[in-house]
Amino acid sequence: MIEIRETEIYLRWFKSLRDREARARIDIRIRRLSMGNPGDVKPIGKGVSELRIDYGAGYRVYFIQRGDTLVILLAGGDKRTQDRDIKTALDLSQNL
C-alpha cells in the first residue's frame, strides 16, 4: 500500500469543499491511488501529476510520487482554477 501525505494547502482546499458528494468521490480516488490504482492521471511536469475526477466542476488533485511507497498530495482545485492550481503544485513540488 502506498502512503499518502497531504500539504496544508491541499487539506485547506479539501476541507473547504461544500459538496459532500465531491468530497466522497475525491476521497475514493485517493484511496484507490493508495492501492496502486491511480485511474485518470495526467503528468503536468517536474514530477507532478494531475488526478482528474470527472464530477461536478471537474475536480483536480495534484500530487507527486516518491518511489513506490509515498504520494504527497500538493494541491486541489477544479477546471476553472486549473492554471493557478498547476502553478501552485509545481511551486510546492520544488520545495519538498
PDB file of N, CA and C in Angstrom:
ATOM      1  N   MET A   1       0.843  -1.184   0.000  1.00  0.00           N
ATOM      2  CA  MET A   1       0.000   0.000   0.000  1.00  0.00           C
ATOM      3  C   MET A   1       0.888   1.248   0.000  1.00  0.00           C
ATOM      4  N   ILE A   2       0.473   2.243  -0.730  1.00  0.00           N
ATOM      5  CA  ILE A   2       1.215   3.494  -0.847  1.00  0.00           C
ATOM      6  C   ILE A   2       0.777   4.442   0.269  1.00  0.00           C
ATOM      7  N   GLU A   3       1.754   5.049   0.928  1.00  0.00           N
ATOM      8  CA  GLU A   3       1.451   6.028   1.977  1.00  0.00           C
ATOM      9  C   GLU A   3       1.068   7.350   1.316  1.00  0.00           C
ATOM     10  N   ILE A   4      -0.010   7.958   1.807  1.00  0.00           N
ATOM     11  CA  ILE A   4      -0.485   9.236   1.282  1.00  0.00           C
ATOM     12  C   ILE A   4      -0.242  10.311   2.340  1.00  0.00           C
ATOM     13  N   ARG A   5       0.417  11.392   1.935  1.00  0.00           N
ATOM     14  CA  ARG A   5       0.600  12.560   2.802  1.00  0.00           C
ATOM     15  C   ARG A   5       0.007  13.769   2.099  1.00  0.00           C
ATOM     16  N   GLU A   6      -0.396  14.761   2.893  1.00  0.00           N
ATOM     17  CA  GLU A   6      -1.026  15.950   2.327  1.00  0.00           C
ATOM     18  C   GLU A   6      -0.308  17.205   2.788  1.00  0.00           C
ATOM     19  N   THR A   7      -0.260  18.211   1.916  1.00  0.00           N
ATOM     20  CA  THR A   7       0.242  19.518   2.311  1.00  0.00           C
ATOM     21  C   THR A   7      -0.901  20.290   2.966  1.00  0.00           C
ATOM     22  N   GLU A   8      -0.556  21.344   3.684  1.00  0.00           N
ATOM     23  CA  GLU A   8      -1.578  22.205   4.292  1.00  0.00           C
ATOM     24  C   GLU A   8      -2.471  22.827   3.221  1.00  0.00           C
ATOM     25  N   ILE A   9      -1.890  23.176   2.095  1.00  0.00           N
ATOM     26  CA  ILE A   9      -2.670  23.780   1.005  1.00  0.00           C
ATOM     27  C   ILE A   9      -3.726  22.801   0.502  1.00  0.00           C
ATOM     28  N   TYR A  10      -3.342  21.541   0.319  1.00  0.00           N
ATOM     29  CA  TYR A  10      -4.315  20.536  -0.112  1.00  0.00           C
ATOM     30  C   TYR A  10      -5.411  20.367   0.938  1.00  0.00           C
ATOM     31  N   LEU A  11      -5.016  20.212   2.195  1.00  0.00           N
ATOM     32  CA  LEU A  11      -6.007  20.000   3.261  1.00  0.00           C
ATOM     33  C   LEU A  11      -6.983  21.162   3.361  1.00  0.00           C
ATOM     34  N   ARG A  12      -6.485  22.385   3.257  1.00  0.00           N
ATOM     35  CA  ARG A  12      -7.347  23.570   3.322  1.00  0.00           C
ATOM     36  C   ARG A  12      -8.361  23.545   2.181  1.00  0.00           C
ATOM     37  N   TRP A  13      -7.892  23.219   0.979  1.00  0.00           N
ATOM     38  CA  TRP A  13      -8.795  23.151  -0.168  1.00  0.00           C
ATOM     39  C   TRP A  13      -9.848  22.065   0.037  1.00  0.00           C
ATOM     40  N   PHE A  14      -9.409  20.861   0.416  1.00  0.00           N
ATOM     41  CA  PHE A  14     -10.336  19.743   0.571  1.00  0.00           C
ATOM     42  C   PHE A  14     -11.398  20.046   1.629  1.00  0.00           C
ATOM     43  N   LYS A  15     -10.989  20.603   2.754  1.00  0.00           N
ATOM     44  CA  LYS A  15     -11.934  20.919   3.832  1.00  0.00           C
ATOM     45  C   LYS A  15     -12.895  22.036   3.445  1.00  0.00           C
ATOM     46  N   SER A  16     -12.508  22.858   2.473  1.00  0.00           N
ATOM     47  CA  SER A  16     -13.376  23.966   2.064  1.00  0.00           C
ATOM     48  C   SER A  16     -14.481  23.528   1.100  1.00  0.00           C
ATOM     49  N   LEU A  17     -14.388  22.322   0.566  1.00  0.00           N
ATOM     50  CA  LEU A  17     -15.413  21.837  -0.367  1.00  0.00           C
ATOM     51  C   LEU A  17     -16.738  21.644   0.365  1.00  0.00           C
ATOM     52  N   ARG A  18     -17.776  22.240  -0.167  1.00  0.00           N
ATOM     53  CA  ARG A  18     -19.103  22.124   0.460  1.00  0.00           C
ATOM     54  C   ARG A  18     -19.904  20.949  -0.087  1.00  0.00           C
ATOM     55  N   ASP A  19     -19.579  20.537  -1.291  1.00  0.00           N
ATOM     56  CA  ASP A  19     -20.292  19.443  -1.953  1.00  0.00           C
ATOM     57  C   ASP A  19     -19.830  18.111  -1.357  1.00  0.00           C
ATOM     58  N   ARG A  20     -20.697  17.491  -0.567  1.00  0.00           N
ATOM     59  CA  ARG A  20     -20.347  16.225   0.093  1.00  0.00           C
ATOM     60  C   ARG A  20     -20.049  15.112  -0.897  1.00  0.00           C
ATOM     61  N   GLU A  21     -20.802  15.075  -1.968  1.00  0.00           N
ATOM     62  CA  GLU A  21     -20.578  14.051  -2.994  1.00  0.00           C
ATOM     63  C   GLU A  21     -19.190  14.216  -3.619  1.00  0.00           C
ATOM     64  N   ALA A  22     -18.804  15.448  -3.888  1.00  0.00           N
ATOM     65  CA  ALA A  22     -17.469  15.704  -4.447  1.00  0.00           C
ATOM     66  C   ALA A  22     -16.390  15.245  -3.477  1.00  0.00           C
ATOM     67  N   ARG A  23     -16.548  15.581  -2.204  1.00  0.00           N
ATOM     68  CA  ARG A  23     -15.563  15.156  -1.199  1.00  0.00           C
ATOM     69  C   ARG A  23     -15.466  13.636  -1.150  1.00  0.00           C
ATOM     70  N   ALA A  24     -16.601  12.952  -1.211  1.00  0.00           N
ATOM     71  CA  ALA A  24     -16.611  11.488  -1.165  1.00  0.00           C
ATOM     72  C   ALA A  24     -15.913  10.906  -2.394  1.00  0.00           C
ATOM     73  N   ARG A  25     -16.189  11.459  -3.563  1.00  0.00           N
ATOM     74  CA  ARG A  25     -15.570  10.947  -4.788  1.00  0.00           C
ATOM     75  C   ARG A  25     -14.056  11.172  -4.789  1.00  0.00           C
ATOM     76  N   ILE A  26     -13.643  12.326  -4.307  1.00  0.00           N
ATOM     77  CA  ILE A  26     -12.207  12.608  -4.219  1.00  0.00           C
ATOM     78  C   ILE A  26     -11.555  11.658  -3.228  1.00  0.00           C
ATOM     79  N   ASP A  27     -12.195  11.450  -2.099  1.00  0.00           N
ATOM     80  CA  ASP A  27     -11.664  10.535  -1.084  1.00  0.00           C
ATOM     81  C   ASP A  27     -11.517   9.116  -1.643  1.00  0.00           C
ATOM     82  N   ILE A  28     -12.503   8.667  -2.395  1.00  0.00           N
ATOM     83  CA  ILE A  28     -12.439   7.331  -3.004  1.00  0.00           C
ATOM     84  C   ILE A  28     -11.267   7.248  -3.981  1.00  0.00           C
ATOM     85  N   ARG A  29     -11.082   8.287  -4.794  1.00  0.00           N
ATOM     86  CA  ARG A  29      -9.966   8.282  -5.753  1.00  0.00           C
ATOM     87  C   ARG A  29      -8.618   8.261  -5.047  1.00  0.00           C
ATOM     88  N   ILE A  30      -8.517   8.966  -3.915  1.00  0.00           N
ATOM     89  CA  ILE A  30      -7.264   8.971  -3.155  1.00  0.00           C
ATOM     90  C   ILE A  30      -7.019   7.575  -2.571  1.00  0.00           C
ATOM     91  N   ARG A  31      -8.063   6.936  -2.083  1.00  0.00           N
ATOM     92  CA  ARG A  31      -7.908   5.566  -1.564  1.00  0.00           C
ATOM     93  C   ARG A  31      -7.465   4.609  -2.668  1.00  0.00           C
ATOM     94  N   ARG A  32      -8.033   4.756  -3.855  1.00  0.00           N
ATOM     95  CA  ARG A  32      -7.617   3.913  -4.984  1.00  0.00           C
ATOM     96  C   ARG A  32      -6.153   4.173  -5.342  1.00  0.00           C
ATOM     97  N   LEU A  33      -5.768   5.427  -5.302  1.00  0.00           N
ATOM     98  CA  LEU A  33      -4.376   5.790  -5.561  1.00  0.00           C
ATOM     99  C   LEU A  33      -3.454   5.105  -4.557  1.00  0.00           C
ATOM    100  N   SER A  34      -3.874   5.064  -3.302  1.00  0.00           N
ATOM    101  CA  SER A  34      -3.052   4.430  -2.262  1.00  0.00           C
ATOM    102  C   SER A  34      -2.906   2.925  -2.482  1.00  0.00           C
ATOM    103  N   MET A  35      -3.829   2.340  -3.242  1.00  0.00           N
ATOM    104  CA  MET A  35      -3.761   0.904  -3.534  1.00  0.00           C
ATOM    105  C   MET A  35      -3.086   0.621  -4.877  1.00  0.00           C
ATOM    106  N   GLY A  36      -2.525   1.670  -5.484  1.00  0.00           N
ATOM    107  CA  GLY A  36      -1.801   1.490  -6.734  1.00  0.00           C
ATOM    108  C   GLY A  36      -2.642   1.600  -7.982  1.00  0.00           C
ATOM    109  N   ASN A  37      -3.883   2.087  -7.850  1.00  0.00           N
ATOM    110  CA  ASN A  37      -4.786   2.239  -8.989  1.00  0.00           C
ATOM    111  C   ASN A  37      -5.113   3.724  -9.177  1.00  0.00           C
ATOM    112  N   PRO A  38      -4.257   4.480  -9.864  1.00  0.00           N
ATOM    113  CA  PRO A  38      -4.468   5.923  -9.959  1.00  0.00           C
ATOM    114  C   PRO A  38      -5.629   6.350 -10.855  1.00  0.00           C
ATOM    115  N   GLY A  39      -6.013   5.533 -11.819  1.00  0.00           N
ATOM    116  CA  GLY A  39      -7.113   5.919 -12.698  1.00  0.00           C
ATOM    117  C   GLY A  39      -6.694   7.009 -13.671  1.00  0.00           C
ATOM    118  N   ASP A  40      -7.555   8.009 -13.861  1.00  0.00           N
ATOM    119  CA  ASP A  40      -7.336   9.081 -14.836  1.00  0.00           C
ATOM    120  C   ASP A  40      -6.317  10.077 -14.293  1.00  0.00           C
ATOM    121  N   VAL A  41      -5.067   9.925 -14.716  1.00  0.00           N
ATOM    122  CA  VAL A  41      -3.966  10.770 -14.248  1.00  0.00           C
ATOM    123  C   VAL A  41      -3.209  11.289 -15.457  1.00  0.00           C
ATOM    124  N   LYS A  42      -2.796  12.562 -15.379  1.00  0.00           N
ATOM    125  CA  LYS A  42      -2.036  13.177 -16.459  1.00  0.00           C
ATOM    126  C   LYS A  42      -0.801  13.849 -15.861  1.00  0.00           C
ATOM    127  N   PRO A  43       0.396  13.533 -16.366  1.00  0.00           N
ATOM    128  CA  PRO A  43       1.590  14.234 -15.881  1.00  0.00           C
ATOM    129  C   PRO A  43       1.567  15.683 -16.369  1.00  0.00           C
ATOM    130  N   ILE A  44       1.958  16.620 -15.485  1.00  0.00           N
ATOM    131  CA  ILE A  44       1.960  18.032 -15.885  1.00  0.00           C
ATOM    132  C   ILE A  44       3.355  18.639 -15.873  1.00  0.00           C
ATOM    133  N   GLY A  45       4.353  17.856 -15.461  1.00  0.00           N
ATOM    134  CA  GLY A  45       5.731  18.331 -15.495  1.00  0.00           C
ATOM    135  C   GLY A  45       6.396  18.339 -14.138  1.00  0.00           C
ATOM    136  N   LYS A  46       7.728  18.250 -14.144  1.00  0.00           N
ATOM    137  CA  LYS A  46       8.560  18.289 -12.935  1.00  0.00           C
ATOM    138  C   LYS A  46       8.162  17.235 -11.907  1.00  0.00           C
ATOM    139  N   GLY A  47       7.662  16.097 -12.390  1.00  0.00           N
ATOM    140  CA  GLY A  47       7.290  15.012 -11.491  1.00  0.00           C
ATOM    141  C   GLY A  47       5.908  15.133 -10.882  1.00  0.00           C
ATOM    142  N   VAL A  48       5.189  16.202 -11.207  1.00  0.00           N
ATOM    143  CA  VAL A  48       3.840  16.431 -10.667  1.00  0.00           C
ATOM    144  C   VAL A  48       2.817  15.850 -11.636  1.00  0.00           C
ATOM    145  N   SER A  49       1.795  15.212 -11.071  1.00  0.00           N
ATOM    146  CA  SER A  49       0.708  14.652 -11.879  1.00  0.00           C
ATOM    147  C   SER A  49      -0.629  15.211 -11.417  1.00  0.00           C
ATOM    148  N   GLU A  50      -1.586  15.174 -12.324  1.00  0.00           N
ATOM    149  CA  GLU A  50      -2.929  15.682 -12.077  1.00  0.00           C
ATOM    150  C   GLU A  50      -3.892  14.500 -12.055  1.00  0.00           C
ATOM    151  N   LEU A  51      -4.531  14.284 -10.921  1.00  0.00           N
ATOM    152  CA  LEU A  51      -5.558  13.256 -10.765  1.00  0.00           C
ATOM    153  C   LEU A  51      -6.884  13.919 -11.129  1.00  0.00           C
ATOM    154  N   ARG A  52      -7.527  13.440 -12.185  1.00  0.00           N
ATOM    155  CA  ARG A  52      -8.744  14.089 -12.678  1.00  0.00           C
ATOM    156  C   ARG A  52      -9.974  13.327 -12.214  1.00  0.00           C
ATOM    157  N   ILE A  53     -10.894  14.069 -11.586  1.00  0.00           N
ATOM    158  CA  ILE A  53     -12.139  13.492 -11.096  1.00  0.00           C
ATOM    159  C   ILE A  53     -13.263  14.052 -11.965  1.00  0.00           C
ATOM    160  N   ASP A  54     -13.882  13.198 -12.748  1.00  0.00           N
ATOM    161  CA  ASP A  54     -14.923  13.613 -13.684  1.00  0.00           C
ATOM    162  C   ASP A  54     -16.259  13.696 -12.953  1.00  0.00           C
ATOM    163  N   TYR A  55     -16.414  14.782 -12.210  1.00  0.00           N
ATOM    164  CA  TYR A  55     -17.651  15.015 -11.465  1.00  0.00           C
ATOM    165  C   TYR A  55     -17.773  16.516 -11.230  1.00  0.00           C
ATOM    166  N   GLY A  56     -18.989  17.012 -11.272  1.00  0.00           N
ATOM    167  CA  GLY A  56     -19.248  18.408 -10.937  1.00  0.00           C
ATOM    168  C   GLY A  56     -18.391  19.372 -11.741  1.00  0.00           C
ATOM    169  N   ALA A  57     -17.614  20.171 -11.023  1.00  0.00           N
ATOM    170  CA  ALA A  57     -16.799  21.216 -11.639  1.00  0.00           C
ATOM    171  C   ALA A  57     -15.533  20.680 -12.310  1.00  0.00           C
ATOM    172  N   GLY A  58     -15.353  19.369 -12.314  1.00  0.00           N
ATOM    173  CA  GLY A  58     -14.142  18.786 -12.895  1.00  0.00           C
ATOM    174  C   GLY A  58     -12.982  18.929 -11.939  1.00  0.00           C
ATOM    175  N   TYR A  59     -13.085  18.273 -10.803  1.00  0.00           N
ATOM    176  CA  TYR A  59     -12.093  18.417  -9.737  1.00  0.00           C
ATOM    177  C   TYR A  59     -10.756  17.821 -10.132  1.00  0.00           C
ATOM    178  N   ARG A  60      -9.686  18.439  -9.605  1.00  0.00           N
ATOM    179  CA  ARG A  60      -8.314  18.018  -9.857  1.00  0.00           C
ATOM    180  C   ARG A  60      -7.563  17.942  -8.538  1.00  0.00           C
ATOM    181  N   VAL A  61      -6.714  16.926  -8.402  1.00  0.00           N
ATOM    182  CA  VAL A  61      -5.817  16.816  -7.253  1.00  0.00           C
ATOM    183  C   VAL A  61      -4.415  16.661  -7.823  1.00  0.00           C
ATOM    184  N   TYR A  62      -3.505  17.509  -7.374  1.00  0.00           N
ATOM    185  CA  TYR A  62      -2.132  17.500  -7.864  1.00  0.00           C
ATOM    186  C   TYR A  62      -1.249  16.803  -6.852  1.00  0.00           C
ATOM    187  N   PHE A  63      -0.413  15.887  -7.357  1.00  0.00           N
ATOM    188  CA  PHE A  63       0.410  15.102  -6.441  1.00  0.00           C
ATOM    189  C   PHE A  63       1.764  14.798  -7.050  1.00  0.00           C
ATOM    190  N   ILE A  64       2.663  14.394  -6.186  1.00  0.00           N
ATOM    191  CA  ILE A  64       3.985  13.942  -6.592  1.00  0.00           C
ATOM    192  C   ILE A  64       4.220  12.596  -5.932  1.00  0.00           C
ATOM    193  N   GLN A  65       4.815  11.682  -6.677  1.00  0.00           N
ATOM    194  CA  GLN A  65       5.087  10.353  -6.122  1.00  0.00           C
ATOM    195  C   GLN A  65       6.579  10.226  -5.874  1.00  0.00           C
ATOM    196  N   ARG A  66       6.913   9.706  -4.703  1.00  0.00           N
ATOM    197  CA  ARG A  66       8.307   9.454  -4.330  1.00  0.00           C
ATOM    198  C   ARG A  66       8.496   7.950  -4.223  1.00  0.00           C
ATOM    199  N   GLY A  67       9.177   7.371  -5.174  1.00  0.00           N
ATOM    200  CA  GLY A  67       9.373   5.927  -5.181  1.00  0.00           C
ATOM    201  C   GLY A  67       8.055   5.198  -5.371  1.00  0.00           C
ATOM    202  N   ASP A  68       8.010   3.980  -4.854  1.00  0.00           N
ATOM    203  CA  ASP A  68       6.803   3.164  -4.988  1.00  0.00           C
ATOM    204  C   ASP A  68       5.929   3.203  -3.753  1.00  0.00           C
ATOM    205  N   THR A  69       6.345   3.952  -2.715  1.00  0.00           N
ATOM    206  CA  THR A  69       5.651   3.842  -1.437  1.00  0.00           C
ATOM    207  C   THR A  69       5.098   5.143  -0.882  1.00  0.00           C
ATOM    208  N   LEU A  70       5.316   6.279  -1.549  1.00  0.00           N
ATOM    209  CA  LEU A  70       4.878   7.555  -0.987  1.00  0.00           C
ATOM    210  C   LEU A  70       4.292   8.458  -2.063  1.00  0.00           C
ATOM    211  N   VAL A  71       3.116   9.016  -1.770  1.00  0.00           N
ATOM    212  CA  VAL A  71       2.492  10.027  -2.616  1.00  0.00           C
ATOM    213  C   VAL A  71       2.196  11.228  -1.734  1.00  0.00           C
ATOM    214  N   ILE A  72       2.546  12.418  -2.222  1.00  0.00           N
ATOM    215  CA  ILE A  72       2.267  13.649  -1.484  1.00  0.00           C
ATOM    216  C   ILE A  72       1.241  14.448  -2.282  1.00  0.00           C
ATOM    217  N   LEU A  73       0.076  14.692  -1.669  1.00  0.00           N
ATOM    218  CA  LEU A  73      -0.970  15.496  -2.295  1.00  0.00           C
ATOM    219  C   LEU A  73      -0.592  16.958  -2.108  1.00  0.00           C
ATOM    220  N   LEU A  74      -0.378  17.669  -3.197  1.00  0.00           N
ATOM    221  CA  LEU A  74       0.131  19.028  -3.138  1.00  0.00           C
ATOM    222  C   LEU A  74      -0.972  20.074  -3.066  1.00  0.00           C
ATOM    223  N   ALA A  75      -1.953  19.968  -3.952  1.00  0.00           N
ATOM    224  CA  ALA A  75      -2.992  20.993  -4.058  1.00  0.00           C
ATOM    225  C   ALA A  75      -4.206  20.387  -4.745  1.00  0.00           C
ATOM    226  N   GLY A  76      -5.284  21.133  -4.743  1.00  0.00           N
ATOM    227  CA  GLY A  76      -6.501  20.692  -5.405  1.00  0.00           C
ATOM    228  C   GLY A  76      -7.232  21.877  -5.990  1.00  0.00           C
ATOM    229  N   GLY A  77      -8.173  21.589  -6.858  1.00  0.00           N
ATOM    230  CA  GLY A  77      -8.957  22.647  -7.467  1.00  0.00           C
ATOM    231  C   GLY A  77      -9.946  22.042  -8.442  1.00  0.00           C
ATOM    232  N   ASP A  78     -10.397  22.876  -9.361  1.00  0.00           N
ATOM    233  CA  ASP A  78     -11.298  22.387 -10.397  1.00  0.00           C
ATOM    234  C   ASP A  78     -10.877  22.975 -11.738  1.00  0.00           C
ATOM    235  N   LYS A  79     -11.610  22.642 -12.760  1.00  0.00           N
ATOM    236  CA  LYS A  79     -11.247  23.065 -14.113  1.00  0.00           C
ATOM    237  C   LYS A  79     -11.123  24.589 -14.206  1.00  0.00           C
ATOM    238  N   ARG A  80     -11.949  25.300 -13.473  1.00  0.00           N
ATOM    239  CA  ARG A  80     -11.966  26.762 -13.508  1.00  0.00           C
ATOM    240  C   ARG A  80     -10.664  27.372 -12.986  1.00  0.00           C
ATOM    241  N   THR A  81     -10.060  26.755 -11.972  1.00  0.00           N
ATOM    242  CA  THR A  81      -8.852  27.295 -11.338  1.00  0.00           C
ATOM    243  C   THR A  81      -7.599  26.511 -11.723  1.00  0.00           C
ATOM    244  N   GLN A  82      -7.696  25.719 -12.773  1.00  0.00           N
ATOM    245  CA  GLN A  82      -6.647  24.768 -13.135  1.00  0.00           C
ATOM    246  C   GLN A  82      -5.272  25.416 -13.340  1.00  0.00           C
ATOM    247  N   ASP A  83      -5.187  26.503 -14.084  1.00  0.00           N
ATOM    248  CA  ASP A  83      -3.881  27.120 -14.351  1.00  0.00           C
ATOM    249  C   ASP A  83      -3.204  27.567 -13.060  1.00  0.00           C
ATOM    250  N   ARG A  84      -3.941  28.226 -12.200  1.00  0.00           N
ATOM    251  CA  ARG A  84      -3.398  28.684 -10.914  1.00  0.00           C
ATOM    252  C   ARG A  84      -3.007  27.500 -10.037  1.00  0.00           C
ATOM    253  N   ASP A  85      -3.829  26.461 -10.020  1.00  0.00           N
ATOM    254  CA  ASP A  85      -3.556  25.282  -9.193  1.00  0.00           C
ATOM    255  C   ASP A  85      -2.302  24.544  -9.664  1.00  0.00           C
ATOM    256  N   ILE A  86      -2.117  24.461 -10.967  1.00  0.00           N
ATOM    257  CA  ILE A  86      -0.919  23.809 -11.505  1.00  0.00           C
ATOM    258  C   ILE A  86       0.326  24.577 -11.084  1.00  0.00           C
ATOM    259  N   LYS A  87       0.284  25.895 -11.179  1.00  0.00           N
ATOM    260  CA  LYS A  87       1.433  26.707 -10.758  1.00  0.00           C
ATOM    261  C   LYS A  87       1.732  26.484  -9.280  1.00  0.00           C
ATOM    262  N   THR A  88       0.696  26.468  -8.451  1.00  0.00           N
ATOM    263  CA  THR A  88       0.873  26.224  -7.016  1.00  0.00           C
ATOM    264  C   THR A  88       1.509  24.862  -6.778  1.00  0.00           C
ATOM    265  N   ALA A  89       1.009  23.834  -7.451  1.00  0.00           N
ATOM    266  CA  ALA A  89       1.530  22.477  -7.267  1.00  0.00           C
ATOM    267  C   ALA A  89       2.989  22.379  -7.707  1.00  0.00           C
ATOM    268  N   LEU A  90       3.317  22.987  -8.832  1.00  0.00           N
ATOM    269  CA  LEU A  90       4.701  22.952  -9.310  1.00  0.00           C
ATOM    270  C   LEU A  90       5.632  23.674  -8.341  1.00  0.00           C
ATOM    271  N   ASP A  91       5.195  24.817  -7.824  1.00  0.00           N
ATOM    272  CA  ASP A  91       5.999  25.554  -6.838  1.00  0.00           C
ATOM    273  C   ASP A  91       6.207  24.723  -5.580  1.00  0.00           C
ATOM    274  N   LEU A  92       5.139  24.105  -5.091  1.00  0.00           N
ATOM    275  CA  LEU A  92       5.245  23.273  -3.881  1.00  0.00           C
ATOM    276  C   LEU A  92       6.185  22.093  -4.091  1.00  0.00           C
ATOM    277  N   SER A  93       6.126  21.492  -5.267  1.00  0.00           N
ATOM    278  CA  SER A  93       6.953  20.306  -5.520  1.00  0.00           C
ATOM    279  C   SER A  93       8.439  20.637  -5.467  1.00  0.00           C
ATOM    280  N   GLN A  94       8.794  21.859  -5.798  1.00  0.00           N
ATOM    281  CA  GLN A  94      10.200  22.265  -5.781  1.00  0.00           C
ATOM    282  C   GLN A  94      10.715  22.477  -4.362  1.00  0.00           C
ATOM    283  N   ASN A  95       9.797  22.684  -3.422  1.00  0.00           N
ATOM    284  CA  ASN A  95      10.183  22.958  -2.033  1.00  0.00           C
ATOM    285  C   ASN A  95      10.105  21.740  -1.129  1.00  0.00           C
ATOM    286  N   LEU A  96       9.841  20.562  -1.687  1.00  0.00           N
ATOM    287  CA  LEU A  96       9.756  19.350  -0.863  1.00  0.00           C
ATOM    288  C   LEU A  96      11.105  18.694  -0.717  1.00  0.00           C
TER     289      LEU A  96
END
